[in-house]
Each structure stands twice: as structure tokens, then as C-alpha cells.
Protein backbone atom coordinates (compact mmCIF):
# COMPACT_ATOMS: atom_id res chain seq x y z
CA MET A 1 -33.13 13.87 5.29
CA GLN A 2 -37.10 14.57 4.72
CA ASN A 3 -35.93 15.12 0.66
CA SER A 4 -35.33 18.32 1.16
CA LYS A 5 -33.19 20.42 -1.32
CA ASP A 6 -30.27 21.38 1.34
CA ASP A 7 -30.00 17.55 2.30
CA ILE A 8 -29.89 16.37 -1.04
CA GLU A 9 -27.02 18.78 -1.86
CA LEU A 10 -25.44 17.66 1.29
CA ALA A 11 -26.23 14.08 0.52
CA ASN A 12 -24.56 14.43 -2.70
CA LYS A 13 -21.39 16.14 -1.14
CA LEU A 14 -20.86 13.60 1.26
CA SER A 15 -20.83 10.96 -2.04
CA GLU A 16 -18.29 12.92 -3.40
CA VAL A 17 -15.81 13.76 -0.57
CA TYR A 18 -16.12 10.00 0.24
CA GLY A 19 -14.36 9.73 -3.08
CA LYS A 20 -11.88 12.43 -2.61
CA LEU A 21 -10.99 10.97 0.79
CA LYS A 22 -10.69 7.28 -0.31
CA SER A 23 -8.26 8.87 -3.12
CA GLU A 24 -6.09 10.62 -0.91
CA ILE A 25 -5.58 8.00 1.85
CA ALA A 26 -4.83 5.71 -1.28
CA ARG A 27 -1.74 7.70 -1.38
CA VAL A 28 -0.18 6.72 1.36
CA ILE A 29 -2.34 3.33 2.10
CA VAL A 30 -2.03 0.39 -0.55
CA GLY A 31 -5.53 -1.78 -0.59
CA GLN A 32 -7.53 -2.16 2.42
CA ASP A 33 -10.49 -0.54 0.64
CA GLU A 34 -12.81 -2.56 2.70
CA VAL A 35 -11.07 -1.20 5.98
CA VAL A 36 -11.37 2.61 4.71
CA ARG A 37 -14.73 2.25 3.99
CA LEU A 38 -15.66 0.86 7.19
CA VAL A 39 -13.55 2.97 9.34
CA LEU A 40 -15.13 6.32 7.30
CA THR A 41 -18.74 5.08 7.86
CA ALA A 42 -17.84 4.85 11.71
CA VAL A 43 -16.80 8.15 11.79
CA PHE A 44 -19.97 9.87 9.51
CA CYS A 45 -22.29 7.49 11.91
CA GLN A 46 -20.38 9.28 15.22
CA GLY A 47 -19.53 5.37 16.14
CA HIS A 48 -15.79 3.97 17.66
CA SER A 49 -14.37 0.88 15.85
CA LEU A 50 -12.25 -1.98 17.08
CA LEU A 51 -9.42 -2.73 14.48
CA VAL A 52 -8.37 -6.46 14.61
CA GLY A 53 -5.11 -7.59 12.75
CA VAL A 54 -1.53 -8.58 13.33
CA PRO A 55 1.56 -6.13 13.37
CA GLY A 56 2.48 -4.17 10.58
CA LEU A 57 -0.65 -4.20 8.59
CA ALA A 58 -0.52 0.15 8.78
CA LYS A 59 -3.26 0.42 11.33
CA THR A 60 -1.30 3.34 12.99
CA LEU A 61 -0.52 4.74 9.65
CA LEU A 62 -4.36 4.55 8.38
CA VAL A 63 -5.51 6.62 11.19
CA GLN A 64 -2.72 9.24 10.74
CA THR A 65 -3.34 9.43 7.22
CA MET A 66 -7.26 9.68 7.75
CA SER A 67 -6.70 12.80 10.46
CA ASP A 68 -4.33 14.38 7.92
CA ALA A 69 -7.26 14.26 5.14
CA MET A 70 -9.79 15.33 7.55
CA ASP A 71 -7.87 18.46 9.30
CA LEU A 72 -8.51 16.61 12.84
CA GLN A 73 -6.05 16.58 15.60
CA PHE A 74 -4.71 13.08 16.21
CA LYS A 75 -3.44 11.43 19.40
CA ARG A 76 -2.08 7.82 19.58
CA ILE A 77 -1.97 5.92 23.21
CA GLN A 78 -0.09 3.12 23.56
CA PHE A 79 -1.66 0.71 26.21
CA THR A 80 0.90 -0.97 28.42
CA PRO A 81 0.02 -3.06 31.89
CA ASP A 82 1.25 -0.02 33.77
CA LEU A 83 -1.00 2.97 32.02
CA MET A 84 -2.85 4.49 35.03
CA PRO A 85 -6.40 5.88 33.98
CA SER A 86 -4.86 9.74 34.69
CA ASP A 87 -2.35 8.81 31.67
CA ILE A 88 -5.33 8.90 29.38
CA VAL A 89 -8.10 11.34 30.68
CA GLY A 90 -5.43 13.84 32.65
CA ALA A 91 -5.28 14.77 36.29
CA GLU A 92 -4.72 17.91 38.59
CA THR A 93 -1.65 18.92 39.28
CA MET A 94 -0.34 21.71 41.68
CA ASP A 95 1.49 24.79 40.77
CA LYS A 96 3.87 26.92 43.04
CA GLU A 97 1.21 28.84 44.08
CA ARG A 98 -0.65 25.72 45.71
CA ASN A 99 -3.38 25.86 43.17
CA PHE A 100 -4.59 22.72 41.91
CA HIS A 101 -4.87 22.92 37.67
CA PHE A 102 -6.51 20.03 35.41
CA THR A 103 -4.06 18.60 32.52
CA LYS A 104 -5.72 17.55 29.86
CA GLY A 105 -4.53 14.07 28.95
CA PRO A 106 -4.30 12.49 25.47
CA VAL A 107 -7.50 11.67 25.23
CA PHE A 108 -8.57 15.38 24.18
CA ALA A 109 -8.14 15.28 20.39
CA ASN A 110 -10.56 14.04 17.64
CA ILE A 111 -9.00 10.96 16.69
CA ILE A 112 -7.86 8.76 19.05
CA LEU A 113 -5.60 5.46 18.37
CA ALA A 114 -5.82 3.29 21.63
CA ASP A 115 -3.36 0.93 20.48
CA GLU A 116 -3.49 -2.76 21.73
CA ILE A 117 -6.28 -1.45 24.00
CA ASN A 118 -6.28 -5.71 25.95
CA ARG A 119 -2.98 -5.09 27.19
CA THR A 120 -4.03 -2.40 29.73
CA PRO A 121 -5.65 -3.54 33.23
CA PRO A 122 -9.55 -3.06 33.22
CA LYS A 123 -9.38 0.22 35.30
CA THR A 124 -7.83 1.91 32.37
CA GLN A 125 -9.67 0.44 29.71
CA ALA A 126 -13.02 1.66 31.22
CA ALA A 127 -11.37 5.35 31.60
CA LEU A 128 -10.88 5.31 27.90
CA LEU A 129 -14.60 3.54 27.70
CA GLU A 130 -16.49 5.96 29.66
CA SER A 131 -14.81 8.94 27.53
CA MET A 132 -16.14 7.04 24.65
CA GLN A 133 -20.01 6.66 25.84
CA GLU A 134 -20.42 10.29 27.53
CA TYR A 135 -17.72 12.34 25.26
CA ALA A 136 -16.85 13.93 28.38
CA VAL A 137 -14.01 13.51 31.32
CA THR A 138 -15.37 14.13 35.22
CA ILE A 139 -12.23 15.05 37.27
CA ALA A 140 -12.84 15.90 41.22
CA GLY A 141 -16.64 16.71 40.41
CA VAL A 142 -15.88 18.86 37.36
CA SER A 143 -16.99 17.97 34.02
CA TYR A 144 -14.90 18.53 30.87
CA GLU A 145 -16.01 17.95 27.41
CA LEU A 146 -13.92 16.31 24.59
CA PRO A 147 -13.48 18.03 21.46
CA ARG A 148 -16.09 17.04 18.57
CA PRO A 149 -16.22 15.42 16.32
CA PHE A 150 -14.43 12.26 18.60
CA PHE A 151 -13.62 8.64 17.48
CA VAL A 152 -12.06 6.17 18.81
CA LEU A 153 -9.87 3.42 17.13
CA ALA A 154 -8.99 0.72 19.45
CA THR A 155 -6.45 -2.12 18.13
CA GLN A 156 -6.16 -5.64 19.50
CA ASN A 157 -3.39 -8.09 18.24
CA PRO A 158 -5.50 -11.57 17.82
CA ILE A 159 -2.24 -13.36 17.92
CA GLU A 160 -0.62 -12.35 21.09
CA GLN A 161 -2.57 -13.70 24.30
CA GLU A 162 -0.58 -13.89 27.19
CA GLY A 163 -0.15 -11.22 29.44
CA THR A 164 -3.43 -9.39 28.35
CA TYR A 165 -6.83 -8.33 29.03
CA PRO A 166 -9.62 -8.95 26.82
CA LEU A 167 -12.38 -6.70 26.98
CA PRO A 168 -15.69 -7.49 28.17
CA GLU A 169 -19.14 -8.01 26.21
CA ALA A 170 -20.62 -5.11 28.06
CA GLN A 171 -17.64 -2.88 26.85
CA LEU A 172 -16.90 -4.40 23.43
CA ASP A 173 -20.45 -3.13 22.66
CA ARG A 174 -19.51 0.21 22.88
CA PHE A 175 -17.78 -0.28 19.83
CA MET A 176 -19.68 0.34 16.76
CA PHE A 177 -17.38 -1.72 14.30
CA ASN A 178 -14.89 -4.94 14.65
CA ILE A 179 -12.97 -4.39 11.62
CA LEU A 180 -10.51 -7.06 10.52
CA LEU A 181 -7.48 -6.32 8.98
CA ASP A 182 -5.98 -9.52 6.78
CA TYR A 183 -2.88 -9.58 4.99
CA PRO A 184 -2.48 -7.88 1.25
CA SER A 185 -2.54 -9.64 -1.96
CA PHE A 186 0.68 -9.84 -3.51
CA GLU A 187 0.06 -7.08 -5.90
CA GLN A 188 -0.79 -4.85 -2.86
CA GLU A 189 2.05 -5.93 -0.82
CA PHE A 190 4.79 -5.47 -3.96
CA SER A 191 3.14 -2.18 -4.60
CA MET A 192 3.59 -1.64 -0.96
CA VAL A 193 7.65 -2.32 -0.64
CA LYS A 194 8.05 -0.60 -3.92
CA ARG A 195 6.33 2.65 -2.27
CA THR A 196 7.55 2.46 1.35
CA THR A 197 11.01 1.52 0.37
CA THR A 198 12.40 5.06 -1.46
CA ASP A 199 12.69 8.31 0.27
CA LEU A 200 9.58 9.88 -1.33
CA ARG A 201 7.04 10.33 1.00
CA PRO A 202 3.51 11.81 -0.66
CA LYS A 203 1.86 14.07 1.28
CA VAL A 204 -2.07 14.13 2.15
CA SER A 205 -4.11 16.79 1.28
CA GLU A 206 -7.28 18.07 3.55
CA VAL A 207 -10.38 17.20 2.23
CA ILE A 208 -12.74 18.06 4.97
CA SER A 209 -13.19 19.79 8.25
CA GLY A 210 -14.49 19.04 11.52
CA ASP A 211 -17.37 20.98 11.54
CA GLU A 212 -18.07 19.25 8.31
CA ILE A 213 -18.10 15.87 9.39
CA GLN A 214 -20.36 16.93 12.15
CA SER A 215 -22.81 18.11 9.63
CA PHE A 216 -22.60 14.85 7.90
CA GLN A 217 -23.20 13.07 11.04
CA HIS A 218 -26.43 14.92 11.55
CA LEU A 219 -27.50 13.90 8.23
CA VAL A 220 -26.92 10.56 8.38
CA ARG A 221 -29.58 10.73 11.07
CA ARG A 222 -32.02 12.46 9.07
CA VAL A 223 -31.96 10.10 6.41
CA PRO A 224 -35.37 8.56 5.55
CA ILE A 225 -35.50 4.25 6.01
CA ALA A 226 -37.83 2.05 4.97
CA ASP A 227 -40.01 0.15 7.75
CA ASN A 228 -38.94 -3.06 6.05
CA VAL A 229 -35.45 -2.61 6.19
CA VAL A 230 -35.56 -1.16 9.97
CA GLU A 231 -37.65 -4.54 10.42
CA TYR A 232 -34.98 -6.87 8.62
CA ALA A 233 -32.34 -5.29 11.00
CA VAL A 234 -34.14 -6.00 13.89
CA ARG A 235 -35.19 -9.48 12.92
CA LEU A 236 -31.08 -10.10 12.36
CA THR A 237 -30.43 -8.95 15.82
CA GLN A 238 -32.81 -11.03 17.45
CA LEU A 239 -32.47 -14.00 15.45
CA SER A 240 -29.04 -13.94 17.15
CA ARG A 241 -30.50 -14.51 20.93
CA PRO A 242 -30.51 -18.20 21.71
CA VAL A 243 -33.74 -18.12 23.63
CA ILE A 244 -36.84 -20.14 23.85
CA ASN A 245 -38.63 -20.66 20.48
CA GLY A 246 -35.71 -18.96 19.39
CA SER A 247 -33.36 -18.95 15.90
CA LYS A 248 -32.27 -22.90 15.57
CA ILE A 249 -29.05 -21.54 14.33
CA ALA A 250 -28.36 -19.09 17.14
CA ASN A 251 -29.70 -22.15 19.77
CA GLU A 252 -27.35 -24.31 17.71
CA TYR A 253 -24.06 -22.44 17.79
CA LEU A 254 -24.50 -19.11 20.17
CA GLU A 255 -23.93 -18.93 23.74
CA TRP A 256 -25.03 -15.18 23.85
CA GLY A 257 -26.61 -13.00 21.18
CA ALA A 258 -26.44 -9.32 20.14
CA GLY A 259 -28.30 -6.57 22.55
CA PRO A 260 -30.78 -3.65 20.96
CA ARG A 261 -27.64 -1.37 20.61
CA ALA A 262 -26.61 -3.84 17.32
CA SER A 263 -29.92 -3.13 15.89
CA GLN A 264 -29.21 1.11 16.07
CA PHE A 265 -25.60 0.48 14.40
CA LEU A 266 -27.36 -1.92 12.27
CA VAL A 267 -30.16 0.73 10.83
CA LEU A 268 -27.02 3.73 11.05
CA GLY A 269 -24.75 1.62 9.34
CA ALA A 270 -26.92 1.02 6.56
CA LYS A 271 -28.09 4.98 6.26
CA CYS A 272 -24.37 5.82 6.02
CA ASN A 273 -23.53 3.20 3.62
CA ALA A 274 -26.19 4.08 1.15
CA LEU A 275 -25.39 7.62 1.40
CA LEU A 276 -21.74 6.93 0.38
CA ASN A 277 -22.79 4.99 -2.33
CA GLY A 278 -24.94 8.02 -4.14
CA LYS A 279 -28.06 6.82 -2.40
CA TYR A 280 -31.02 8.54 -0.64
CA SER A 281 -32.50 5.97 1.75
CA PRO A 282 -30.88 2.26 2.07
CA ASP A 283 -32.25 -0.90 1.63
CA ILE A 284 -31.66 -4.33 3.01
CA GLU A 285 -28.52 -5.09 0.95
CA ASP A 286 -27.29 -1.81 2.92
CA VAL A 287 -27.75 -3.92 5.82
CA LYS A 288 -26.40 -7.10 4.79
CA ILE A 289 -23.01 -5.06 3.77
CA ILE A 290 -22.14 -3.71 7.47
CA ALA A 291 -23.71 -6.64 9.46
CA PRO A 292 -20.71 -9.21 9.72
CA SER A 293 -18.68 -5.82 11.31
CA VAL A 294 -21.68 -5.10 13.72
CA LEU A 295 -22.48 -8.20 14.65
CA ARG A 296 -18.92 -10.08 14.91
CA HIS A 297 -17.54 -8.81 18.55
CA ARG A 298 -21.44 -9.11 19.92
CA LEU A 299 -21.92 -13.13 19.21
CA LEU A 300 -20.24 -15.48 21.84
CA ARG A 301 -19.99 -18.68 19.84
CA ASN A 302 -20.85 -21.75 22.03
CA TYR A 303 -18.66 -25.61 22.25
CA LYS A 304 -20.21 -26.92 19.48
CA ALA A 305 -19.36 -23.84 16.94
CA GLU A 306 -15.89 -23.96 18.33
CA ALA A 307 -15.54 -27.85 18.05
CA GLU A 308 -17.07 -27.55 14.32
CA GLY A 309 -14.59 -24.62 13.43
CA LEU A 310 -17.34 -22.20 12.56
CA THR A 311 -16.49 -18.32 12.55
CA VAL A 312 -18.40 -15.93 13.90
CA ASP A 313 -18.72 -14.12 10.38
CA GLU A 314 -20.01 -17.93 9.27
CA ILE A 315 -22.59 -17.63 11.56
CA VAL A 316 -23.51 -14.18 11.27
CA HIS A 317 -24.39 -15.27 7.17
CA LYS A 318 -26.17 -17.99 8.36
CA LEU A 319 -28.40 -15.93 9.90
CA MET A 320 -28.89 -13.70 7.36
CA GLU A 321 -29.72 -16.45 5.46
CA ALA A 322 -32.34 -17.29 7.59
């Protein structure tokens, strides 16, 4: 940011836009404030998110509402065991004159909802994850750029594991956040039921365009950050790695720790969290706020942690206390 006048004005605008986006989304989605904050943070950091929650918690509706408020093209892909890579990225087809033409798949959109990504075989999962990493699709040696901004929100059902293909750790690492959705409170569910059992359908107004989102994504990377905050993010990541002379907590409870990409996402997420809250530079508290969502899917518990009933989130909090 370099404290330039233009960047400061843009930072103030981002904080203002964030408030408007939350208000528009709240017209349709009841509760889930933390989920909305994390998903919007990932969007402004140019990252992807994995949503984990039981059915019926409005995951699809949330993404659809976000795309309406952002004036972005939305596509939903229902992952099934018979889904092929070409069903996602597209394929070459032959016309009547025997000429080949590339037919784009549903991945060519701004916001992709990959519903129940763990229900499709690894070959199809890899096709989507390659698009997430490269922001392009290669068919018959020709590369096709995906539209920008490009954001993937994948969902998983934590209950049903029969007949699923869990994402391997290397592919999970491509997601910036792992976001947990919990059941609504009594008041939230009461309000939701009253609102959704009438004939009224609230209309969401457009708050931001795709070009503005991209300008905010560049702004996040220009935000200045103190060395001690970066040092905290890197130390937290390194403390999660069970190695000789490493962290006592990691050696005791973890089979595997987070890689360098976690440090990068901790810093980016902290920068964005600061901007969303009207600050021009992040502090250690901003890192702590987004740390569970960044590390949750990057830490592999060992037998002792599972035997003692320690969740990954509890281990993350122990690492932050250390």
C-alpha cells in the first residue's frame, strides 16, 4: 500500500463495500456471519475455500447470494461418482463439417460451487484442482484462460463417508480456508423458518463488480505488514511440524504439519482481515483470527490426539498459546 493516498481511499472503500455486502447477504442468509466473513476474505485474497457442513445449512444459497451481490457468473457442479473431467473443463466436439471446436465446461465462470467434491473419483477432482491452481484449462495442447476473478467453493459432508473419495493432503493444501458450518442457534433457525416459509423472496442488489474485486485483490497484497507479524505467522506454521527438536505439541499430537503455503495464507488473510475492519496494517491478532481456518485442513492428527479426543482446532489453539 505504501500509504499512498489512492490506496488509502481504496482501503476505506473496501471496508465500506464489505459492510454493504454483509447487509445484502443477510437479507437472504440468516446467521453464518463468521462463514460470510471468511468466504469474503478468501475472495479478496484470490483464494479458494472448502466448506464442511451437514446438508441443509444453506451452502448453495450462500454462494448464489454472494454471486448476485457481486455481479459475478455463478455455476454449480454436482459431483457424482460417474462425473468425468470433460464434464467440468469441457471437451472438443466435431461439427457437421468435421471441424473440431472446444465447448467450454461449467468451470468457465467466476464463482464455482463444487458440491460434495469428495463424491467424485480423484481423476475428476484433479481436473478441477488443476484449474484452481493454473487459472487455465489445457485441451489438445491449447490453453484457455479462465475468467477473472475466479473462485472455487467446494463442499464436503462430514457425516456420510461411504462411497466417497477424500481429497489427499496435497490437494487440500490448495484451499486457502477450511470453513466449518455449524447448526444455527434457536433464534436464527426461528427467523430462518419464518422467512423461508412465506411467498416473499428478497432481492439482492449488486454491490461490487468483478473489476473492483480484482483491484481489491491487488490492494491486499500491497498492504504493509510488520516483520514481527510475518515472523509470528511463520513460527506458528513451523511449530505445527513434528520434527526433531521441534514443538512439543506437534511431536505429541501431530503426524504431519503445515507447509509454507500456510504461512503465505496466514499473512494474506491477516492483511485482508485488517482492511475489512478498517485498519491499514495487520497485527498478530489478525493472524490468530484466521489461523484455525488456514491450518485446520493442513494438520494431520496422530493416534494419541484421536485417542484423547483432541480436535485439530484445539491443537491449533495450543500452538498459538505456545
